[in-house]
Amino acid sequence: MSRSGLQYLETTGIDPVTGLAVDVPTALNRTEKREVIAGGTVTAGDVVAFDTGAADSARSLTVTQAGATANGNPLSCGVALSDAVAGDKFEIAVKGYVENVHCVGGTALGAPLTAGRGAGSVDTALATDIASAFGVTLEAEAGGTVDLILFGS
């Protein structure tokens, strides 16, 4: 059996400093993050992809908004957690729980997802997709976004 990170399953707790109740699932949301460099303008909630325009190994740490690819974008590697412009260092979610991810309208609860069929967004996976499954929705799309579990690698 293997274990990755903190394993704490209580839903509420008490902050030892303030004595106030704490929503533990919010504090320990189990999102795995990576710091990357923006290769262009990125908006929080965008699906991002490795920037193939960067040189050499910088391609593995430079990301841009995932471009639209009809069968899913296999370069997609995470979700932007904040806005960034070219050259900024910022965090992306690469695995786990992520809120307010841009998605194609009509995405249903429990839908398997493909990244990058629409620029910077997720969409319901199809059998013809060339990209690996990106995640699964935890709610139906509302206002162009969805909360999801990102599968990561």
Protein backbone atom coordinates (compact mmCIF):
# COMPACT_ATOMS: atom_id res chain seq x y z
CA MET A 1 0.00 0.00 0.00
CA SER A 2 1.29 3.46 -0.83
CA ARG A 3 0.31 6.84 0.47
CA SER A 4 0.72 10.27 -1.02
CA GLY A 5 0.57 13.28 1.26
CA LEU A 6 -1.57 13.96 4.26
CA GLN A 7 -4.31 11.45 5.11
CA TYR A 8 -6.83 13.17 7.37
CA LEU A 9 -10.48 12.28 6.98
CA GLU A 10 -12.25 14.44 9.56
CA THR A 11 -14.66 17.01 8.12
CA THR A 12 -14.40 19.70 10.80
CA GLY A 13 -11.87 20.75 13.40
CA ILE A 14 -10.92 23.52 15.81
CA ASP A 15 -8.13 25.98 15.01
CA PRO A 16 -5.74 25.71 18.00
CA VAL A 17 -4.81 29.40 17.79
CA THR A 18 -8.21 31.07 17.36
CA GLY A 19 -10.46 28.36 18.81
CA LEU A 20 -12.80 28.75 15.81
CA ALA A 21 -14.31 25.90 13.82
CA VAL A 22 -12.41 25.02 10.64
CA ASP A 23 -13.81 23.35 7.52
CA VAL A 24 -11.10 20.74 7.07
CA PRO A 25 -11.99 19.59 3.52
CA THR A 26 -11.52 23.18 2.35
CA ALA A 27 -8.22 23.53 4.20
CA LEU A 28 -6.98 20.12 2.98
CA ASN A 29 -8.50 19.97 -0.47
CA ARG A 30 -5.89 17.51 -1.77
CA THR A 31 -4.99 19.47 -4.85
CA GLU A 32 -1.50 18.73 -6.15
CA LYS A 33 0.08 21.91 -7.52
CA ARG A 34 3.16 22.87 -9.52
CA GLU A 35 4.77 26.26 -10.07
CA VAL A 36 5.27 27.02 -13.76
CA ILE A 37 6.06 29.95 -16.06
CA ALA A 38 3.43 31.50 -18.30
CA GLY A 39 4.30 31.43 -21.99
CA GLY A 40 1.40 33.79 -22.73
CA THR A 41 -1.75 35.17 -21.13
CA VAL A 42 -3.57 32.62 -18.98
CA THR A 43 -6.77 33.08 -16.96
CA ALA A 44 -7.62 31.27 -13.71
CA GLY A 45 -9.65 28.19 -14.62
CA ASP A 46 -8.00 27.74 -18.03
CA VAL A 47 -6.76 24.31 -19.00
CA VAL A 48 -3.05 24.80 -19.74
CA ALA A 49 -0.67 22.89 -21.99
CA PHE A 50 3.09 22.58 -22.33
CA ASP A 51 4.47 25.43 -24.45
CA THR A 52 6.17 23.82 -27.45
CA GLY A 53 7.39 27.26 -28.52
CA ALA A 54 9.77 27.36 -25.54
CA ALA A 55 13.33 26.10 -26.01
CA ASP A 56 14.80 22.82 -24.80
CA SER A 57 13.77 21.69 -21.31
CA ALA A 58 11.94 24.98 -20.69
CA ARG A 59 9.08 23.32 -22.59
CA SER A 60 8.44 21.20 -19.49
CA LEU A 61 7.94 24.18 -17.18
CA THR A 62 6.41 26.76 -19.52
CA VAL A 63 2.67 26.58 -20.20
CA THR A 64 0.09 28.42 -22.28
CA GLN A 65 -3.67 28.18 -22.56
CA ALA A 66 -4.39 24.77 -24.13
CA GLY A 67 -5.17 25.25 -27.80
CA ALA A 68 -8.34 23.80 -29.30
CA THR A 69 -7.77 20.35 -30.81
CA ALA A 70 -10.70 18.41 -32.28
CA ASN A 71 -9.90 15.16 -30.47
CA GLY A 72 -8.51 16.67 -27.26
CA ASN A 73 -5.14 18.29 -26.67
CA PRO A 74 -2.57 15.71 -25.48
CA LEU A 75 -0.23 18.53 -24.36
CA SER A 76 -2.73 19.56 -21.65
CA CYS A 77 -1.08 19.31 -18.25
CA GLY A 78 -3.22 21.11 -15.65
CA VAL A 79 -5.50 23.98 -14.70
CA ALA A 80 -4.38 27.56 -13.98
CA LEU A 81 -5.12 28.60 -10.39
CA SER A 82 -4.59 32.32 -11.06
CA ASP A 83 -4.28 34.79 -13.91
CA ALA A 84 -0.83 35.20 -15.46
CA VAL A 85 0.89 36.96 -18.36
CA ALA A 86 3.99 35.88 -20.28
CA GLY A 87 6.95 35.42 -17.95
CA ASP A 88 4.94 35.23 -14.71
CA LYS A 89 5.53 32.38 -12.27
CA PHE A 90 2.21 30.93 -11.12
CA GLU A 91 0.62 27.72 -9.85
CA ILE A 92 -1.35 25.14 -11.76
CA ALA A 93 -3.30 22.19 -10.39
CA VAL A 94 -1.94 18.94 -11.83
CA LYS A 95 -3.99 16.43 -9.82
CA GLY A 96 -6.93 16.34 -7.43
CA TYR A 97 -9.84 18.66 -6.71
CA VAL A 98 -10.16 21.85 -8.80
CA GLU A 99 -12.99 24.39 -8.83
CA ASN A 100 -14.27 26.66 -11.59
CA VAL A 101 -12.55 25.02 -14.55
CA HIS A 102 -13.63 26.43 -17.92
CA CYS A 103 -15.78 23.94 -19.80
CA VAL A 104 -18.02 23.50 -22.80
CA GLY A 105 -21.69 24.21 -22.04
CA GLY A 106 -23.90 21.28 -21.12
CA THR A 107 -21.21 19.16 -19.45
CA ALA A 108 -23.04 16.80 -17.07
CA LEU A 109 -22.34 15.60 -13.53
CA GLY A 110 -20.03 12.56 -13.50
CA ALA A 111 -18.87 13.08 -17.08
CA PRO A 112 -15.39 11.84 -18.06
CA LEU A 113 -13.45 14.76 -19.50
CA THR A 114 -11.14 15.56 -22.39
CA ALA A 115 -8.99 18.69 -22.19
CA GLY A 116 -8.43 21.15 -24.99
CA ARG A 117 -11.24 20.35 -27.43
CA GLY A 118 -12.16 23.99 -26.89
CA ALA A 119 -9.35 26.49 -26.16
CA GLY A 120 -8.52 26.41 -22.44
CA SER A 121 -11.47 24.21 -21.52
CA VAL A 122 -12.67 20.69 -20.79
CA ASP A 123 -15.43 18.84 -22.58
CA THR A 124 -17.17 15.48 -22.25
CA ALA A 125 -14.80 12.74 -23.44
CA LEU A 126 -15.57 10.86 -26.66
CA ALA A 127 -14.37 7.44 -27.82
CA THR A 128 -12.52 9.16 -30.70
CA ASP A 129 -10.38 11.41 -28.45
CA ILE A 130 -6.61 11.07 -28.80
CA ALA A 131 -5.84 12.72 -25.45
CA SER A 132 -5.90 10.70 -22.23
CA ALA A 133 -8.82 11.21 -19.86
CA PHE A 134 -8.25 14.51 -18.04
CA GLY A 135 -10.68 14.13 -15.14
CA VAL A 136 -14.31 13.74 -14.13
CA THR A 137 -16.92 16.36 -13.24
CA LEU A 138 -18.30 16.64 -9.73
CA GLU A 139 -21.25 18.79 -10.83
CA ALA A 140 -23.06 19.81 -13.98
CA GLU A 141 -21.69 22.83 -15.87
CA ALA A 142 -23.02 26.17 -14.66
CA GLY A 143 -21.99 29.50 -16.17
CA GLY A 144 -19.26 27.95 -18.30
CA THR A 145 -17.35 26.32 -15.42
CA VAL A 146 -17.34 23.04 -13.55
CA ASP A 147 -15.69 21.58 -10.43
CA LEU A 148 -13.74 18.40 -11.14
CA ILE A 149 -11.27 15.79 -10.05
CA LEU A 150 -8.16 16.12 -12.21
CA PHE A 151 -6.55 12.72 -12.82
CA GLY A 152 -2.97 13.93 -13.32
CA SER A 153 -0.16 11.53 -14.09
